[in-house]
Amino acid sequence: MIIIGAGPVGLALALDLARHEVPSVVLDDGPGLCPESPRTTVLRPDTAAQLARLGYTRAAADGAAWDAWHVLRRRQEVLSLDLSATPVLHLPQHRLQRGLRDAAGAEPLVELVPLQRVEELEQDGDGVGVLTRHAQDGRSTWWRGSHLVGCDGARSTVRRLLRVRFPGRTAVDRYAVATLRVDLPFPGEARLHRDPPWHGDREALARPLPDGVWRLDWRLPPGRPSPAEPVDPHATWPGIVTGDTLVARVRATLAGWCGEVPRYELLAAADHTVQQRLAGRFRTGRCFLAGDAAHLHGALGMQNLDDGLRDAANLAWKLALVWHHHAGDALLDSYEAERRGAVGARLRAVDQAMPLLRPVKGWQQARRSLLSGSFRRHAPLLADGTLGTGRFGSPPAYPGGPGGPARSGGAGGGRGGRGATALSEGMASTASGVLVPDVPVITADGAHHRLYERLGRGFLLVLVAPGTGVWASEHWLGAGLMPRLAASAAALPAPAEVVVAEVYEGAAAHTVLLVRPDGHLVGTVQGHRPEELRELADRARGGPAALPAAEPAG
């Protein structure tokens, strides 16, 4: 397997493939370093758990958890959310990338090759060939693999060589960003301030990071950037901001929040333009796009990296089933159907919400909007993208599944991929396609785990058995449904493991849930029904397709 790009998405994909015992080579045009920058990311519990099981176990130590989220307008608070029960993890992206690179470097099934610039790409019925040129000595090398995934960012060379369109809007929002070491009077809390009382800013956002560091964002006026605030409209993260404009903005914001300008250390700063783009297709033969190469979004706080990690989780198990001859090639079509549809749904949601959350033009219209309380009513939408909730951030659901019915879905500015796609927040935890909750489970050897820890090596059969937490596991692991369920799992057309949950919301005793390796529910059966389990497994792998007899290229 060939992966182009050693950013977080490419590294996560390589580690996920290794978890499925599939080797990969990761070709990167950079030197393999992770320099510090003001770029940060917010991880939902499911993506944080995904990175932990892939080997990046220090995410909690590298990040900061928020206890609360506040939205203010002028001098009034319009929304306050207590996050202490479900804290949000915010961490510098360079730390995340270093953690994944360390995990990949320790994985024998992952080969990291830096300084490789992709120049040509060709594919046939047996595999994919890539020609790269070494960035320093100019040597050319041909690489051969069964499939290729382009995780090479917004300016993807793979996407260009595949001639895939990347339509969308170039400038949705423009932001100035800075990371500062400073003591703010709301420790452990994130704050979004719309129309703050100090002069000159439309919107300011503060989010805590580890070690007394904060990330501050300011939404800039629309239109062309001034010479003091250069923004490249074709870049997702341009160069460093310099000049008096940024310093003035920092000092005004700190004085507005603290009453005076406290001592601070400016660590890094940049301008960036938020884009909304969606690749015309995510699959071209044996080649795929993932992460920034496939989609860009970030308006209203949405996290493109979060969705890129979900791309990796969705694609890895499907490539692994095909590579190990447990599924036919048709399964790979569902990657585009599910992931392109999910991102398209987010982009449509932003298009619908943007008029509600951006100030209207005209004095009288603005006055009516304020008096009607419309901003207070819609303020929760401002939390959805940043906190990973609602239509902007909650995990998607794939109700059709790989073998389900397909239909067209929309996507920001165009039509989305095949497959019905919804968001799982608010859906029943037993609905087909939802992301399952991270419940405690017991494995066949009697060990206690969280369900998310067992994902990524095959399908899971989760037996709901109340009372198992009371009795010692040796009394029930070899009794009741367990032996028959274990035999049925072994007979499935793909690797599967049986685990037991004492409680699963919405599922009665003796319910068996078939869970995909990426954590999404295929379906449920009541009791031991091997034929129905087999049908669910066939549906999850795209149908009982005829499988190739020969080994694919590595």
Protein backbone atom coordinates (compact mmCIF):
# COMPACT_ATOMS: atom_id res chain seq x y z
CA MET A 1 0.00 0.00 0.00
CA ILE A 2 1.33 3.44 -0.93
CA ILE A 3 0.43 6.56 1.06
CA ILE A 4 1.44 9.99 -0.23
CA GLY A 5 1.86 12.52 2.58
CA ALA A 6 3.10 12.09 6.16
CA GLY A 7 0.74 14.50 7.86
CA PRO A 8 -1.61 13.35 10.63
CA VAL A 9 -4.07 11.72 8.20
CA GLY A 10 -1.43 9.82 6.23
CA LEU A 11 0.30 8.62 9.40
CA ALA A 12 -3.02 7.59 11.00
CA LEU A 13 -3.95 5.64 7.87
CA ALA A 14 -0.59 3.82 7.82
CA LEU A 15 -0.91 2.90 11.51
CA ASP A 16 -4.50 1.72 11.03
CA LEU A 17 -3.46 -0.47 8.10
CA ALA A 18 -0.69 -1.93 10.24
CA ARG A 19 -3.27 -2.75 12.91
CA HIS A 20 -4.97 -4.81 10.20
CA GLU A 21 -1.60 -6.41 9.31
CA VAL A 22 -1.28 -4.56 6.01
CA PRO A 23 2.15 -3.09 5.17
CA SER A 24 2.49 0.41 3.73
CA VAL A 25 5.10 2.86 2.53
CA VAL A 26 4.55 6.55 3.32
CA LEU A 27 6.18 8.91 0.81
CA ASP A 28 6.55 12.51 1.96
CA ASP A 29 8.07 15.49 0.17
CA GLY A 30 9.22 17.01 3.48
CA PRO A 31 12.27 16.16 5.61
CA GLY A 32 10.28 14.34 8.29
CA LEU A 33 10.26 17.21 10.80
CA CYS A 34 7.28 18.65 12.67
CA PRO A 35 8.07 22.36 13.24
CA GLU A 36 6.06 24.34 15.75
CA SER A 37 3.26 26.52 14.42
CA PRO A 38 0.09 28.21 15.70
CA ARG A 39 -2.00 25.51 14.06
CA THR A 40 -4.06 23.52 16.56
CA THR A 41 -6.85 20.96 16.48
CA VAL A 42 -9.80 19.96 18.60
CA LEU A 43 -10.39 16.22 18.98
CA ARG A 44 -13.72 14.60 19.71
CA PRO A 45 -13.72 11.59 22.05
CA ASP A 46 -13.98 9.15 19.11
CA THR A 47 -11.01 10.60 17.21
CA ALA A 48 -8.96 10.92 20.42
CA ALA A 49 -9.65 7.23 21.12
CA GLN A 50 -8.75 6.41 17.51
CA LEU A 51 -5.31 8.01 17.90
CA ALA A 52 -4.73 6.27 21.24
CA ARG A 53 -5.32 2.79 19.83
CA LEU A 54 -3.03 3.65 16.89
CA GLY A 55 -0.17 4.30 19.30
CA TYR A 56 -0.41 8.02 20.08
CA THR A 57 -1.10 7.57 23.76
CA ARG A 58 0.08 10.96 25.03
CA ALA A 59 -2.68 13.05 23.42
CA ALA A 60 -4.18 13.96 26.81
CA ALA A 61 -0.78 15.13 28.07
CA ASP A 62 -0.06 17.05 24.85
CA GLY A 63 -3.39 18.86 24.94
CA ALA A 64 -5.59 20.90 27.24
CA ALA A 65 -9.13 19.97 28.22
CA TRP A 66 -11.73 22.74 28.42
CA ASP A 67 -14.19 22.86 31.30
CA ALA A 68 -16.57 25.41 29.78
CA TRP A 69 -17.51 27.25 26.60
CA HIS A 70 -18.83 30.83 26.69
CA VAL A 71 -20.26 32.98 23.90
CA LEU A 72 -20.52 36.74 24.48
CA ARG A 73 -21.90 39.57 22.43
CA ARG A 74 -20.64 43.04 23.30
CA ARG A 75 -20.74 43.03 27.11
CA GLN A 76 -23.34 40.30 27.62
CA GLU A 77 -23.00 36.52 27.86
CA VAL A 78 -25.49 34.79 25.56
CA LEU A 79 -24.43 31.15 26.02
CA SER A 80 -22.57 29.16 28.67
CA LEU A 81 -21.93 25.41 28.41
CA ASP A 82 -20.49 23.23 31.18
CA LEU A 83 -18.05 20.75 29.59
CA SER A 84 -16.70 19.20 32.79
CA ALA A 85 -18.51 15.89 32.14
CA THR A 86 -17.31 15.69 28.50
CA PRO A 87 -14.19 17.87 28.25
CA VAL A 88 -12.92 18.95 24.85
CA LEU A 89 -9.28 18.13 24.01
CA HIS A 90 -7.35 20.94 22.29
CA LEU A 91 -3.74 20.37 21.26
CA PRO A 92 -1.07 21.80 18.96
CA GLN A 93 -1.06 20.00 15.65
CA HIS A 94 2.73 19.68 15.59
CA ARG A 95 2.58 17.68 18.84
CA LEU A 96 -0.08 15.40 17.39
CA GLN A 97 1.98 14.85 14.25
CA ARG A 98 5.13 14.10 16.27
CA GLY A 99 3.25 11.55 18.35
CA LEU A 100 1.93 9.79 15.26
CA ARG A 101 5.35 9.88 13.59
CA ASP A 102 6.94 8.31 16.67
CA ALA A 103 4.31 5.55 16.61
CA ALA A 104 4.82 4.97 12.89
CA GLY A 105 8.60 4.84 13.31
CA ALA A 106 8.19 2.04 15.85
CA GLU A 107 5.81 0.04 13.62
CA PRO A 108 7.64 -2.53 11.41
CA LEU A 109 4.79 -2.61 8.86
CA VAL A 110 5.15 1.14 8.17
CA GLU A 111 8.04 2.51 6.10
CA LEU A 112 8.52 6.30 6.21
CA VAL A 113 10.45 7.75 3.25
CA PRO A 114 11.08 11.54 3.35
CA LEU A 115 12.09 13.99 0.58
CA GLN A 116 10.11 12.17 -2.14
CA ARG A 117 8.33 14.43 -4.64
CA VAL A 118 5.67 12.66 -6.68
CA GLU A 119 6.06 13.26 -10.41
CA GLU A 120 4.12 10.52 -12.21
CA LEU A 121 1.35 8.08 -11.36
CA GLU A 122 0.05 5.12 -13.33
CA GLN A 123 -2.28 2.25 -12.49
CA ASP A 124 -3.52 -0.95 -14.04
CA GLY A 125 -5.63 -3.93 -13.00
CA ASP A 126 -2.93 -5.26 -10.65
CA GLY A 127 -1.66 -2.18 -8.84
CA VAL A 128 -0.38 1.39 -8.83
CA GLY A 129 3.03 2.76 -9.83
CA VAL A 130 4.44 6.07 -8.60
CA LEU A 131 7.56 7.87 -9.81
CA THR A 132 9.20 10.12 -7.21
CA ARG A 133 12.25 12.36 -7.31
CA HIS A 134 14.45 12.90 -4.26
CA ALA A 135 14.24 16.53 -3.18
CA GLN A 136 18.00 16.83 -2.54
CA ASP A 137 20.00 14.54 -4.84
CA GLY A 138 17.45 14.33 -7.69
CA ARG A 139 17.38 10.53 -7.87
CA SER A 140 14.24 9.01 -9.37
CA THR A 141 12.52 5.96 -7.87
CA TRP A 142 9.53 3.89 -8.98
CA TRP A 143 7.28 2.53 -6.26
CA ARG A 144 4.69 -0.19 -6.72
CA GLY A 145 1.70 -1.05 -4.52
CA SER A 146 -1.75 -2.57 -4.60
CA HIS A 147 -3.49 0.78 -3.92
CA LEU A 148 -2.53 4.42 -3.34
CA VAL A 149 -4.00 7.04 -1.03
CA GLY A 150 -3.26 10.74 -1.52
CA CYS A 151 -3.05 12.43 1.89
CA ASP A 152 -0.87 15.22 0.54
CA GLY A 153 -2.87 18.27 1.56
CA ALA A 154 -4.87 21.04 -0.05
CA ARG A 155 -2.44 21.39 -2.98
CA SER A 156 -2.46 17.63 -3.56
CA THR A 157 -0.21 16.41 -6.37
CA VAL A 158 -2.12 13.12 -6.38
CA ARG A 159 -5.41 14.93 -6.96
CA ARG A 160 -3.86 16.90 -9.80
CA LEU A 161 -2.39 13.80 -11.47
CA LEU A 162 -5.76 12.05 -11.20
CA ARG A 163 -7.41 15.12 -12.76
CA VAL A 164 -9.96 15.40 -9.99
CA ARG A 165 -11.74 18.73 -9.69
CA PHE A 166 -11.71 20.55 -6.32
CA PRO A 167 -14.63 22.98 -6.55
CA GLY A 168 -15.85 25.23 -3.79
CA ARG A 169 -15.43 28.70 -2.37
CA THR A 170 -11.96 30.16 -1.97
CA ALA A 171 -12.64 32.70 0.79
CA VAL A 172 -15.36 31.90 3.30
CA ASP A 173 -13.73 33.56 6.32
CA ARG A 174 -10.35 35.14 7.00
CA TYR A 175 -8.65 34.91 10.38
CA ALA A 176 -5.58 36.20 12.12
CA VAL A 177 -4.24 33.64 14.60
CA ALA A 178 -1.70 33.92 17.42
CA THR A 179 -0.43 31.69 20.19
CA LEU A 180 0.56 33.49 23.39
CA ARG A 181 1.84 32.54 26.81
CA VAL A 182 -0.34 34.62 29.11
CA ASP A 183 -2.55 34.37 32.20
CA LEU A 184 -6.17 35.04 31.28
CA PRO A 185 -8.91 35.47 33.92
CA PHE A 186 -10.89 32.45 32.69
CA PRO A 187 -8.48 29.47 33.05
CA GLY A 188 -9.59 26.20 31.46
CA GLU A 189 -12.42 27.88 29.56
CA ALA A 190 -12.87 28.76 25.89
CA ARG A 191 -14.47 32.07 25.00
CA LEU A 192 -15.95 33.42 21.75
CA HIS A 193 -16.64 37.16 21.81
CA ARG A 194 -18.83 38.57 19.02
CA ASP A 195 -18.78 42.37 18.51
CA PRO A 196 -16.48 42.92 21.53
CA PRO A 197 -16.59 46.34 23.23
CA TRP A 198 -13.05 47.27 22.19
CA HIS A 199 -12.77 48.96 18.83
CA GLY A 200 -11.79 47.21 15.61
CA ASP A 201 -12.67 43.51 15.96
CA ARG A 202 -15.75 41.66 14.77
CA GLU A 203 -15.07 38.43 16.62
CA ALA A 204 -12.36 37.17 18.98
CA LEU A 205 -11.88 33.61 20.18
CA ALA A 206 -9.63 32.32 22.98
CA ARG A 207 -8.92 28.63 23.56
CA PRO A 208 -6.49 27.23 26.16
CA LEU A 209 -3.52 25.04 25.29
CA PRO A 210 -1.04 23.29 27.63
CA ASP A 211 1.70 25.07 29.57
CA GLY A 212 -0.12 28.38 30.02
CA VAL A 213 -0.44 28.93 26.25
CA TRP A 214 -3.57 30.25 24.53
CA ARG A 215 -4.63 30.33 20.91
CA LEU A 216 -6.39 33.55 19.91
CA ASP A 217 -8.33 33.94 16.66
CA TRP A 218 -9.73 37.14 15.16
CA ARG A 219 -12.16 37.10 12.24
CA LEU A 220 -10.97 39.65 9.72
CA PRO A 221 -13.15 41.91 7.56
CA PRO A 222 -14.16 40.51 4.15
CA GLY A 223 -12.47 41.69 1.00
CA ARG A 224 -8.90 41.81 -0.15
CA PRO A 225 -6.22 41.64 2.60
CA SER A 226 -4.23 44.75 3.37
CA PRO A 227 -0.43 44.77 2.97
CA ALA A 228 -0.13 44.52 6.75
CA GLU A 229 -2.21 41.35 6.78
CA PRO A 230 -1.17 39.26 3.77
CA VAL A 231 -3.42 36.30 3.00
CA ASP A 232 -2.80 33.90 0.14
CA PRO A 233 -6.33 32.90 -1.01
CA HIS A 234 -5.02 29.61 -2.37
CA ALA A 235 -3.30 28.51 0.83
CA THR A 236 -4.89 26.96 3.90
CA TRP A 237 -2.14 28.11 6.26
CA PRO A 238 0.12 30.84 4.83
CA GLY A 239 3.11 32.56 6.33
CA ILE A 240 3.81 34.32 9.58
CA VAL A 241 2.09 37.60 10.41
CA THR A 242 4.32 40.55 11.24
CA GLY A 243 3.86 44.24 11.88
CA ASP A 244 2.14 46.60 14.26
CA THR A 245 -1.38 45.53 13.25
CA LEU A 246 -1.14 42.19 15.04
CA VAL A 247 0.44 43.65 18.17
CA ALA A 248 -2.30 46.26 18.39
CA ARG A 249 -4.95 43.59 18.02
CA VAL A 250 -3.35 41.41 20.72
CA ARG A 251 -3.06 44.28 23.18
CA ALA A 252 -6.62 45.50 22.60
CA THR A 253 -8.04 42.01 23.08
CA LEU A 254 -6.06 41.28 26.25
CA ALA A 255 -7.01 44.66 27.71
CA GLY A 256 -10.67 44.03 26.89
CA TRP A 257 -10.66 40.70 28.72
CA CYS A 258 -8.31 41.54 31.60
CA GLY A 259 -8.98 45.24 32.20
CA GLU A 260 -5.36 46.03 31.36
CA VAL A 261 -2.67 44.51 29.16
CA PRO A 262 -1.02 41.69 31.16
CA ARG A 263 2.49 40.40 30.60
CA TYR A 264 2.47 38.09 27.59
CA GLU A 265 4.83 36.31 25.23
CA LEU A 266 3.88 36.13 21.56
CA LEU A 267 4.99 32.68 20.37
CA ALA A 268 3.71 32.48 16.79
CA ALA A 269 1.16 34.08 14.49
CA ALA A 270 -0.33 33.61 11.03
CA ASP A 271 -3.19 34.59 8.78
CA HIS A 272 -5.31 31.96 7.13
CA THR A 273 -8.30 31.82 4.84
CA VAL A 274 -11.10 29.34 5.48
CA GLN A 275 -12.12 27.50 2.33
CA GLN A 276 -15.01 25.20 1.57
CA ARG A 277 -14.01 22.66 -1.05
CA LEU A 278 -14.99 19.11 -1.89
CA ALA A 279 -13.18 16.89 -4.40
CA GLY A 280 -15.31 15.75 -7.32
CA ARG A 281 -14.54 12.15 -6.40
CA PHE A 282 -12.64 10.37 -3.64
CA ARG A 283 -11.79 7.27 -5.69
CA THR A 284 -10.23 6.85 -9.11
CA GLY A 285 -9.58 3.16 -9.78
CA ARG A 286 -7.01 2.01 -7.23
CA CYS A 287 -6.28 5.56 -6.04
CA PHE A 288 -8.04 7.45 -3.24
CA LEU A 289 -8.02 10.90 -1.66
CA ALA A 290 -8.26 11.61 2.06
CA GLY A 291 -7.99 14.57 4.44
CA ASP A 292 -7.21 18.02 3.03
CA ALA A 293 -6.62 16.49 -0.40
CA ALA A 294 -10.30 15.50 -0.48
CA HIS A 295 -12.06 18.28 1.43
CA LEU A 296 -11.52 21.63 3.11
CA HIS A 297 -13.84 23.16 5.67
CA GLY A 298 -13.36 25.21 8.79
CA ALA A 299 -16.06 27.85 8.84
CA LEU A 300 -17.91 28.24 12.15
CA GLY A 301 -15.19 26.28 13.94
CA MET A 302 -15.48 23.00 12.03
CA GLN A 303 -12.45 20.70 12.31
CA ASN A 304 -11.16 19.45 8.96
CA LEU A 305 -8.53 17.26 10.65
CA ASP A 306 -11.22 15.49 12.68
CA ASP A 307 -12.94 14.53 9.43
CA GLY A 308 -9.60 13.58 7.86
CA LEU A 309 -8.99 11.11 10.68
CA ARG A 310 -12.45 9.68 10.04
CA ASP A 311 -11.47 9.28 6.37
CA ALA A 312 -8.50 7.18 7.48
CA ALA A 313 -10.59 5.03 9.82
CA ASN A 314 -13.25 4.45 7.16
CA LEU A 315 -10.80 3.55 4.40
CA ALA A 316 -8.27 1.46 6.34
CA TRP A 317 -10.51 -1.50 7.21
CA LYS A 318 -11.97 -1.63 3.71
CA LEU A 319 -8.54 -1.69 2.06
CA ALA A 320 -7.49 -4.34 4.58
CA LEU A 321 -10.47 -6.62 3.82
CA VAL A 322 -9.74 -6.39 0.10
CA TRP A 323 -6.00 -6.88 0.62
CA HIS A 324 -6.62 -10.01 2.74
CA HIS A 325 -9.24 -11.37 0.27
CA HIS A 326 -12.13 -11.01 2.72
CA ALA A 327 -14.06 -8.67 0.42
CA GLY A 328 -14.33 -7.77 -3.23
CA ASP A 329 -13.29 -4.54 -4.89
CA ALA A 330 -16.87 -3.18 -4.76
CA LEU A 331 -16.46 -2.53 -1.02
CA LEU A 332 -14.04 0.29 -1.80
CA ASP A 333 -16.76 2.26 -3.59
CA SER A 334 -18.48 2.77 -0.25
CA TYR A 335 -15.59 4.94 0.97
CA GLU A 336 -16.55 7.73 -1.40
CA ALA A 337 -20.26 7.20 -0.80
CA GLU A 338 -19.94 7.46 2.96
CA ARG A 339 -17.19 10.00 3.48
CA ARG A 340 -18.00 12.38 0.62
CA GLY A 341 -21.64 12.32 1.64
CA ALA A 342 -20.76 13.04 5.28
CA VAL A 343 -18.53 16.02 4.47
CA GLY A 344 -21.06 17.29 1.96
CA ALA A 345 -23.72 17.26 4.68
CA ARG A 346 -21.50 19.43 6.88
CA LEU A 347 -20.88 21.90 4.07
CA ARG A 348 -24.60 22.18 3.37
CA ALA A 349 -25.26 22.75 7.07
CA VAL A 350 -22.78 25.63 7.13
CA ASP A 351 -24.35 27.18 4.02
CA GLN A 352 -27.73 27.09 5.76
CA ALA A 353 -26.44 28.47 9.07
CA MET A 354 -24.11 31.19 7.81
CA PRO A 355 -26.86 33.81 7.19
CA LEU A 356 -28.09 33.28 10.76
CA LEU A 357 -24.68 33.74 12.37
CA ARG A 358 -23.12 36.55 10.35
CA PRO A 359 -24.15 40.17 11.04
CA VAL A 360 -26.76 41.50 8.63
CA LYS A 361 -26.20 44.69 6.66
CA GLY A 362 -27.94 47.91 7.47
CA TRP A 363 -28.57 49.73 10.77
CA GLN A 364 -32.29 48.99 10.98
CA GLN A 365 -31.87 45.31 10.11
CA ALA A 366 -29.11 44.94 12.69
CA ARG A 367 -31.28 46.64 15.34
CA ARG A 368 -34.22 44.34 14.61
CA SER A 369 -31.92 41.29 14.73
CA LEU A 370 -30.58 42.30 18.14
CA LEU A 371 -34.00 43.12 19.61
CA SER A 372 -35.50 39.85 18.38
CA GLY A 373 -32.84 37.87 20.19
CA SER A 374 -31.93 35.98 17.03
CA PHE A 375 -28.25 35.86 17.92
CA ARG A 376 -28.99 34.39 21.34
CA ARG A 377 -31.30 31.85 19.74
CA HIS A 378 -28.71 30.73 17.20
CA ALA A 379 -25.63 31.01 19.45
CA PRO A 380 -25.54 27.22 20.11
CA LEU A 381 -24.66 26.78 16.44
CA LEU A 382 -21.41 28.64 17.12
CA ALA A 383 -20.46 25.87 19.56
CA ASP A 384 -21.25 22.93 17.28
CA GLY A 385 -18.24 23.10 14.98
CA THR A 386 -15.70 23.83 17.68
CA LEU A 387 -17.05 21.37 20.25
CA GLY A 388 -17.87 18.64 17.74
CA THR A 389 -21.62 18.58 18.24
CA GLY A 390 -24.68 18.94 16.03
CA ARG A 391 -24.58 19.06 12.26
CA PHE A 392 -21.16 20.72 12.17
CA GLY A 393 -19.15 18.29 14.27
CA SER A 394 -20.86 15.16 15.57
CA PRO A 395 -19.77 11.80 14.13
CA PRO A 396 -21.60 10.88 10.92
CA ALA A 397 -23.87 7.89 10.51
CA TYR A 398 -23.83 5.60 7.48
CA PRO A 399 -27.35 4.11 7.55
CA GLY A 400 -27.16 2.49 4.12
CA GLY A 401 -23.87 0.73 4.78
CA PRO A 402 -21.58 -0.56 2.01
CA GLY A 403 -24.22 -3.02 0.82
CA GLY A 404 -27.19 -0.72 1.30
CA PRO A 405 -29.15 1.30 -1.23
CA ALA A 406 -27.38 4.27 -2.76
CA ARG A 407 -28.68 7.67 -3.71
CA SER A 408 -27.20 11.06 -4.48
CA GLY A 409 -26.35 13.45 -1.67
CA GLY A 410 -25.43 17.12 -1.76
CA ALA A 411 -22.12 18.75 -1.00
CA GLY A 412 -21.06 22.36 -0.55
CA GLY A 413 -21.71 23.90 -3.89
CA GLY A 414 -22.31 20.60 -5.71
CA ARG A 415 -23.65 17.10 -5.44
CA GLY A 416 -22.21 14.74 -2.86
CA GLY A 417 -21.17 11.12 -3.00
CA ARG A 418 -23.54 8.17 -3.15
CA GLY A 419 -25.17 6.84 -0.04
CA ALA A 420 -27.60 8.19 2.53
CA THR A 421 -25.62 10.01 5.20
CA ALA A 422 -26.83 11.54 8.46
CA LEU A 423 -25.26 12.72 11.69
CA SER A 424 -25.38 10.26 14.56
CA GLU A 425 -26.02 12.81 17.33
CA GLY A 426 -29.62 12.37 18.46
CA MET A 427 -30.03 9.02 16.69
CA ALA A 428 -30.68 5.86 18.67
CA SER A 429 -27.50 3.96 19.54
CA THR A 430 -29.00 0.84 17.93
CA ALA A 431 -29.76 2.54 14.59
CA SER A 432 -27.89 1.11 11.62
CA GLY A 433 -24.79 3.10 10.75
CA VAL A 434 -24.37 5.14 13.95
CA LEU A 435 -21.09 5.37 15.80
CA VAL A 436 -21.49 3.05 18.79
CA PRO A 437 -20.92 4.42 22.31
CA ASP A 438 -17.67 3.62 24.10
CA VAL A 439 -19.14 1.21 26.65
CA PRO A 440 -17.13 -1.07 28.99
CA VAL A 441 -16.69 -4.57 27.55
CA ILE A 442 -15.17 -7.89 28.60
CA THR A 443 -13.16 -9.94 26.10
CA ALA A 444 -13.07 -13.71 25.73
CA ASP A 445 -10.02 -13.95 28.01
CA GLY A 446 -11.88 -12.16 30.80
CA ALA A 447 -10.03 -8.83 30.44
CA HIS A 448 -11.88 -5.55 30.93
CA HIS A 449 -11.61 -2.87 28.22
CA ARG A 450 -13.47 0.01 26.65
CA LEU A 451 -15.17 -0.86 23.37
CA TYR A 452 -13.14 1.69 21.39
CA GLU A 453 -9.92 -0.03 22.49
CA ARG A 454 -10.97 -3.21 20.66
CA LEU A 455 -11.74 -1.49 17.34
CA GLY A 456 -9.51 -1.69 14.31
CA ARG A 457 -8.56 -5.37 14.05
CA GLY A 458 -11.78 -6.82 12.69
CA PHE A 459 -15.51 -6.80 13.28
CA LEU A 460 -16.84 -6.89 16.83
CA LEU A 461 -19.79 -8.97 17.99
CA VAL A 462 -21.04 -7.23 21.13
CA LEU A 463 -23.26 -9.44 23.27
CA VAL A 464 -25.42 -7.50 25.72
CA ALA A 465 -25.52 -9.61 28.90
CA PRO A 466 -26.73 -7.86 32.08
CA GLY A 467 -25.17 -9.24 35.23
CA THR A 468 -21.80 -10.14 33.73
CA GLY A 469 -20.18 -7.47 35.88
CA VAL A 470 -21.37 -9.22 39.02
CA TRP A 471 -20.18 -12.75 38.29
CA ALA A 472 -16.58 -13.80 37.70
CA SER A 473 -16.00 -14.18 33.98
CA GLU A 474 -14.94 -17.84 34.24
CA HIS A 475 -18.52 -18.69 35.24
CA TRP A 476 -20.15 -17.37 32.07
CA LEU A 477 -17.54 -17.09 29.29
CA GLY A 478 -17.92 -20.79 28.54
CA ALA A 479 -21.67 -20.98 29.08
CA GLY A 480 -24.94 -19.79 27.54
CA LEU A 481 -24.63 -18.04 24.17
CA MET A 482 -20.88 -17.51 24.36
CA PRO A 483 -19.59 -20.80 22.86
CA ARG A 484 -22.11 -20.71 20.00
CA LEU A 485 -21.50 -17.04 19.35
CA ALA A 486 -17.74 -17.61 19.27
CA ALA A 487 -18.24 -20.40 16.73
CA SER A 488 -20.42 -18.15 14.57
CA ALA A 489 -17.81 -15.38 14.74
CA ALA A 490 -15.13 -17.79 13.56
CA ALA A 491 -17.35 -18.79 10.62
CA LEU A 492 -17.92 -15.23 9.39
CA PRO A 493 -16.31 -14.24 6.06
CA ALA A 494 -14.08 -11.67 7.81
CA PRO A 495 -12.15 -11.61 11.11
CA ALA A 496 -14.40 -11.00 14.12
CA GLU A 497 -14.08 -10.89 17.90
CA VAL A 498 -16.78 -11.48 20.52
CA VAL A 499 -16.98 -9.10 23.48
CA VAL A 500 -19.61 -8.75 26.19
CA ALA A 501 -21.24 -5.54 27.45
CA GLU A 502 -23.30 -5.51 30.61
CA VAL A 503 -25.26 -2.46 29.47
CA TYR A 504 -25.86 -0.95 26.03
CA GLU A 505 -28.44 1.81 25.73
CA GLY A 506 -31.50 0.73 23.76
CA ALA A 507 -30.51 -2.94 23.52
CA ALA A 508 -32.27 -5.68 25.46
CA ALA A 509 -30.54 -8.64 27.07
CA HIS A 510 -29.07 -11.18 24.60
CA THR A 511 -28.93 -8.62 21.79
CA VAL A 512 -25.91 -9.12 19.54
CA LEU A 513 -24.53 -6.03 17.76
CA LEU A 514 -22.24 -6.35 14.75
CA VAL A 515 -19.81 -3.40 14.79
CA ARG A 516 -17.51 -2.40 11.92
CA PRO A 517 -13.78 -1.91 12.59
CA ASP A 518 -14.29 1.88 12.47
CA GLY A 519 -16.92 1.71 15.23
CA HIS A 520 -20.09 2.09 13.19
CA LEU A 521 -22.97 -0.30 13.80
CA VAL A 522 -23.88 -2.68 10.99
CA GLY A 523 -27.02 -4.05 12.67
CA THR A 524 -28.39 -6.13 15.53
CA VAL A 525 -29.88 -9.60 16.00
CA GLN A 526 -31.66 -11.07 18.97
CA GLY A 527 -29.93 -14.12 20.43
CA HIS A 528 -27.84 -16.56 18.44
CA ARG A 529 -28.89 -16.31 14.79
CA PRO A 530 -25.88 -17.30 12.67
CA GLU A 531 -27.66 -16.84 9.33
CA GLU A 532 -28.65 -13.28 10.19
CA LEU A 533 -25.14 -12.50 11.44
CA ARG A 534 -23.75 -13.80 8.16
CA GLU A 535 -26.14 -11.57 6.21
CA LEU A 536 -25.05 -8.54 8.24
CA ALA A 537 -21.38 -9.37 7.67
CA ASP A 538 -21.97 -9.73 3.93
CA ARG A 539 -23.74 -6.39 3.89
CA ALA A 540 -20.84 -4.74 5.73
CA ARG A 541 -18.27 -6.06 3.24
CA GLY A 542 -20.27 -4.94 0.22
CA GLY A 543 -21.95 -8.27 -0.51
CA PRO A 544 -20.68 -11.84 -1.01
CA ALA A 545 -18.58 -10.90 -4.02
CA ALA A 546 -16.29 -13.29 -5.82
CA LEU A 547 -12.83 -12.80 -4.40
CA PRO A 548 -9.54 -12.87 -6.33
CA ALA A 549 -7.42 -15.98 -6.15
CA ALA A 550 -4.04 -14.30 -6.47
CA GLU A 551 -2.20 -12.23 -3.86
CA PRO A 552 -2.38 -8.48 -4.58
CA ALA A 553 0.73 -6.39 -4.86
CA GLY A 554 2.13 -5.27 -1.49
